[in-house]
Every structure is written in C-alpha cells, then in structure tokens.
C-alpha cells in the first residue's frame, strides 16, 4: 500500500542522511519509527506481537475488587 507523507526540506535531508549513515533506506527508517510509535501506544504490530500480548493478559491474575487489600501496621500494602 502506498501513502504520501510530506516532510519539510530540512527534515527530509536529515532523514536521507540518517538512512545513508545507517546504510538503510528511508522506508526502513519509516518502518522502524511507526513500529516504535505503535509499541509506545500498546498496539500490536503483527500477529506474533498480538498473540504475545493476548497471552500476557490471560496470565495476569484476576483480583476481586470487592475484597480490600490488607495493610500492615505501617500502612503498607502486603
């Protein structure tokens, strides 16, 4: 799928130089940047990532909100 993204000249020049420095392409830089953005917001980037996240959510023990947590005499939760 192709989409157009517009950059100002200075940003585009810096991205091209970064791509050259890393011996990569602008597309590789964009893929990395968008993957990092999705990860930051907790959105799975592929099926493997989605399955991993789903498994983690399943393994989290469910807590009963009606049962208050006990605290020690110093006010710390135990």
N, C-alpha and C. Protein backbone atom coordinates (compact mmCIF):
# COMPACT_ATOMS: atom_id res chain seq x y z
N UNK A 1 0.85 -1.17 0.00
CA UNK A 1 0.00 0.00 0.00
C UNK A 1 0.90 1.24 0.00
N UNK A 2 0.57 2.20 -0.78
CA UNK A 2 1.34 3.43 -0.85
C UNK A 2 0.54 4.58 -0.27
N UNK A 3 1.20 5.37 0.54
CA UNK A 3 0.63 6.60 1.10
C UNK A 3 1.68 7.68 1.00
N UNK A 4 1.26 8.90 0.87
CA UNK A 4 2.19 10.01 0.79
C UNK A 4 2.31 10.69 2.14
N UNK A 5 3.55 11.00 2.51
CA UNK A 5 3.82 11.76 3.73
C UNK A 5 4.68 12.94 3.32
N UNK A 6 4.34 14.10 3.80
CA UNK A 6 5.09 15.30 3.43
C UNK A 6 6.02 15.71 4.57
N UNK A 7 7.27 16.02 4.22
CA UNK A 7 8.27 16.50 5.17
C UNK A 7 8.75 17.86 4.69
N UNK A 8 9.16 18.70 5.64
CA UNK A 8 9.83 19.93 5.23
C UNK A 8 11.22 19.55 4.73
N UNK A 9 11.83 20.42 3.94
CA UNK A 9 13.11 20.11 3.29
C UNK A 9 14.21 19.73 4.29
N UNK A 10 14.30 20.45 5.40
CA UNK A 10 15.35 20.19 6.38
C UNK A 10 15.19 18.80 7.00
N UNK A 11 13.97 18.45 7.39
CA UNK A 11 13.71 17.13 7.99
C UNK A 11 14.01 16.03 6.99
N UNK A 12 13.58 16.23 5.74
CA UNK A 12 13.82 15.22 4.72
C UNK A 12 15.32 15.01 4.47
N UNK A 13 16.07 16.10 4.43
CA UNK A 13 17.52 15.99 4.24
C UNK A 13 18.17 15.22 5.39
N UNK A 14 17.73 15.50 6.61
CA UNK A 14 18.29 14.80 7.78
C UNK A 14 17.92 13.33 7.78
N UNK A 15 16.71 13.01 7.36
CA UNK A 15 16.30 11.61 7.27
C UNK A 15 17.09 10.86 6.19
N UNK A 16 17.30 11.50 5.05
CA UNK A 16 18.10 10.88 4.00
C UNK A 16 19.52 10.63 4.49
N UNK A 17 20.10 11.59 5.20
CA UNK A 17 21.46 11.43 5.72
C UNK A 17 21.52 10.32 6.76
N UNK A 18 20.53 10.25 7.63
CA UNK A 18 20.48 9.18 8.62
C UNK A 18 20.39 7.82 7.93
N UNK A 19 19.59 7.74 6.89
CA UNK A 19 19.50 6.50 6.13
C UNK A 19 20.84 6.11 5.53
N UNK A 20 21.54 7.09 4.97
CA UNK A 20 22.88 6.82 4.40
C UNK A 20 23.85 6.36 5.49
N UNK A 21 23.82 7.06 6.64
CA UNK A 21 24.73 6.72 7.74
C UNK A 21 24.50 5.30 8.25
N UNK A 22 23.27 4.88 8.24
CA UNK A 22 22.93 3.54 8.73
C UNK A 22 22.92 2.51 7.61
N UNK A 23 23.27 2.95 6.39
CA UNK A 23 23.26 2.09 5.22
C UNK A 23 21.89 1.44 5.03
N UNK A 24 20.86 2.26 5.17
CA UNK A 24 19.49 1.80 5.01
C UNK A 24 18.72 2.75 4.13
N UNK A 25 17.44 2.50 4.04
CA UNK A 25 16.58 3.33 3.20
C UNK A 25 15.65 4.16 4.07
N UNK A 26 15.06 5.15 3.43
CA UNK A 26 14.06 5.97 4.12
C UNK A 26 12.88 5.09 4.55
N UNK A 27 12.54 4.10 3.72
CA UNK A 27 11.44 3.18 4.06
C UNK A 27 11.75 2.41 5.34
N UNK A 28 12.99 1.96 5.50
CA UNK A 28 13.37 1.24 6.72
C UNK A 28 13.28 2.14 7.94
N UNK A 29 13.68 3.40 7.78
CA UNK A 29 13.56 4.35 8.89
C UNK A 29 12.09 4.55 9.26
N UNK A 30 11.24 4.69 8.25
CA UNK A 30 9.81 4.89 8.49
C UNK A 30 9.20 3.67 9.16
N UNK A 31 9.55 2.47 8.70
CA UNK A 31 9.03 1.24 9.31
C UNK A 31 9.40 1.17 10.79
N UNK A 32 10.66 1.49 11.09
CA UNK A 32 11.12 1.46 12.49
C UNK A 32 10.39 2.50 13.33
N UNK A 33 10.24 3.70 12.78
CA UNK A 33 9.59 4.77 13.53
C UNK A 33 8.13 4.45 13.82
N UNK A 34 7.41 3.94 12.82
CA UNK A 34 6.00 3.62 13.04
C UNK A 34 5.82 2.42 13.95
N UNK A 35 6.72 1.44 13.88
CA UNK A 35 6.65 0.31 14.79
C UNK A 35 6.87 0.77 16.23
N UNK A 36 7.82 1.68 16.44
CA UNK A 36 8.07 2.22 17.78
C UNK A 36 6.86 3.00 18.30
N UNK A 37 6.22 3.76 17.42
CA UNK A 37 5.04 4.53 17.81
C UNK A 37 3.89 3.61 18.22
N UNK A 38 3.66 2.56 17.44
CA UNK A 38 2.59 1.61 17.79
C UNK A 38 2.90 0.91 19.11
N UNK A 39 4.15 0.51 19.29
CA UNK A 39 4.56 -0.15 20.53
C UNK A 39 4.35 0.77 21.73
N UNK A 40 4.70 2.04 21.57
CA UNK A 40 4.54 3.02 22.64
C UNK A 40 3.09 3.11 23.11
N UNK A 41 2.17 2.97 22.17
CA UNK A 41 0.75 3.08 22.50
C UNK A 41 0.08 1.73 22.73
N UNK A 42 0.89 0.67 22.82
CA UNK A 42 0.36 -0.65 23.16
C UNK A 42 -0.42 -1.32 22.04
N UNK A 43 -0.17 -0.94 20.80
CA UNK A 43 -0.87 -1.54 19.67
C UNK A 43 0.05 -2.58 19.04
N UNK A 44 -0.40 -3.84 18.95
CA UNK A 44 0.45 -4.88 18.36
C UNK A 44 0.77 -4.57 16.90
N UNK A 45 2.01 -4.83 16.49
CA UNK A 45 2.40 -4.50 15.13
C UNK A 45 2.25 -5.68 14.16
N UNK A 46 2.16 -6.90 14.68
CA UNK A 46 1.95 -8.05 13.82
C UNK A 46 1.23 -9.14 14.63
N UNK A 47 0.94 -10.24 13.97
CA UNK A 47 0.20 -11.32 14.63
C UNK A 47 0.96 -11.88 15.82
N UNK A 48 2.26 -12.06 15.67
CA UNK A 48 3.07 -12.60 16.77
C UNK A 48 2.99 -11.70 18.00
N UNK A 49 3.09 -10.40 17.78
CA UNK A 49 3.01 -9.43 18.87
C UNK A 49 1.63 -9.45 19.51
N UNK A 50 0.58 -9.56 18.70
CA UNK A 50 -0.78 -9.61 19.22
C UNK A 50 -0.99 -10.86 20.07
N UNK A 51 -0.48 -12.00 19.61
CA UNK A 51 -0.62 -13.24 20.39
C UNK A 51 0.15 -13.16 21.70
N UNK A 52 1.33 -12.57 21.65
CA UNK A 52 2.15 -12.42 22.87
C UNK A 52 1.42 -11.54 23.89
N UNK A 53 0.84 -10.44 23.41
CA UNK A 53 0.12 -9.54 24.30
C UNK A 53 -1.12 -10.23 24.88
N UNK A 54 -1.82 -10.98 24.05
CA UNK A 54 -3.00 -11.70 24.50
C UNK A 54 -2.65 -12.73 25.58
N UNK A 55 -1.54 -13.43 25.39
CA UNK A 55 -1.11 -14.43 26.38
C UNK A 55 -0.75 -13.77 27.70
N UNK A 56 -0.10 -12.60 27.63
CA UNK A 56 0.25 -11.88 28.86
C UNK A 56 -0.99 -11.45 29.62
N UNK A 57 -1.99 -10.96 28.90
CA UNK A 57 -3.22 -10.52 29.56
C UNK A 57 -3.94 -11.70 30.21
N UNK A 58 -3.88 -12.86 29.58
CA UNK A 58 -4.53 -14.05 30.12
C UNK A 58 -3.85 -14.52 31.40
N UNK A 59 -2.53 -14.33 31.49
CA UNK A 59 -1.77 -14.81 32.65
C UNK A 59 -1.85 -13.89 33.86
N UNK A 60 -2.37 -12.67 33.69
CA UNK A 60 -2.50 -11.75 34.82
C UNK A 60 -3.60 -12.25 35.73
N UNK A 61 -3.30 -12.48 37.03
CA UNK A 61 -4.34 -12.97 37.93
C UNK A 61 -5.45 -11.95 38.11
N UNK A 62 -6.65 -12.44 38.12
CA UNK A 62 -7.79 -11.55 38.31
C UNK A 62 -7.97 -11.29 39.80
N UNK A 63 -8.20 -10.02 40.15
CA UNK A 63 -8.40 -9.64 41.54
C UNK A 63 -9.86 -9.29 41.74
N UNK A 64 -10.37 -9.63 42.89
CA UNK A 64 -11.75 -9.31 43.22
C UNK A 64 -11.78 -7.91 43.79
N UNK A 65 -12.40 -6.94 43.08
CA UNK A 65 -12.39 -5.55 43.56
C UNK A 65 -13.17 -5.37 44.86
N UNK A 66 -14.04 -6.31 45.21
CA UNK A 66 -14.83 -6.19 46.43
C UNK A 66 -14.00 -6.54 47.67
N UNK A 67 -12.90 -7.26 47.48
CA UNK A 67 -12.06 -7.66 48.59
C UNK A 67 -10.94 -6.65 48.77
N UNK A 68 -10.94 -5.89 49.87
CA UNK A 68 -9.89 -4.89 50.07
C UNK A 68 -8.56 -5.57 50.37
N UNK A 69 -7.48 -4.92 49.95
CA UNK A 69 -6.13 -5.42 50.25
C UNK A 69 -5.82 -5.17 51.72
N UNK A 70 -5.12 -6.11 52.34
CA UNK A 70 -4.72 -5.94 53.73
C UNK A 70 -3.51 -5.04 53.78
N UNK A 71 -3.43 -4.24 54.81
CA UNK A 71 -2.27 -3.37 55.00
C UNK A 71 -1.61 -3.71 56.32
N UNK A 72 -0.30 -3.50 56.37
CA UNK A 72 0.42 -3.75 57.62
C UNK A 72 0.17 -2.57 58.55
N UNK A 73 0.74 -2.64 59.74
CA UNK A 73 0.54 -1.59 60.73
C UNK A 73 1.15 -0.26 60.28
N UNK A 74 2.14 -0.33 59.39
CA UNK A 74 2.78 0.89 58.91
C UNK A 74 2.06 1.49 57.70
N UNK A 75 0.95 0.91 57.30
CA UNK A 75 0.17 1.45 56.21
C UNK A 75 0.60 0.97 54.83
N UNK A 76 1.52 0.00 54.80
CA UNK A 76 1.95 -0.55 53.51
C UNK A 76 1.07 -1.72 53.14
N UNK A 77 0.82 -1.83 51.84
CA UNK A 77 0.04 -2.98 51.39
C UNK A 77 0.90 -4.22 51.43
N UNK A 78 0.26 -5.35 51.77
CA UNK A 78 1.00 -6.62 51.82
C UNK A 78 0.52 -7.53 50.74
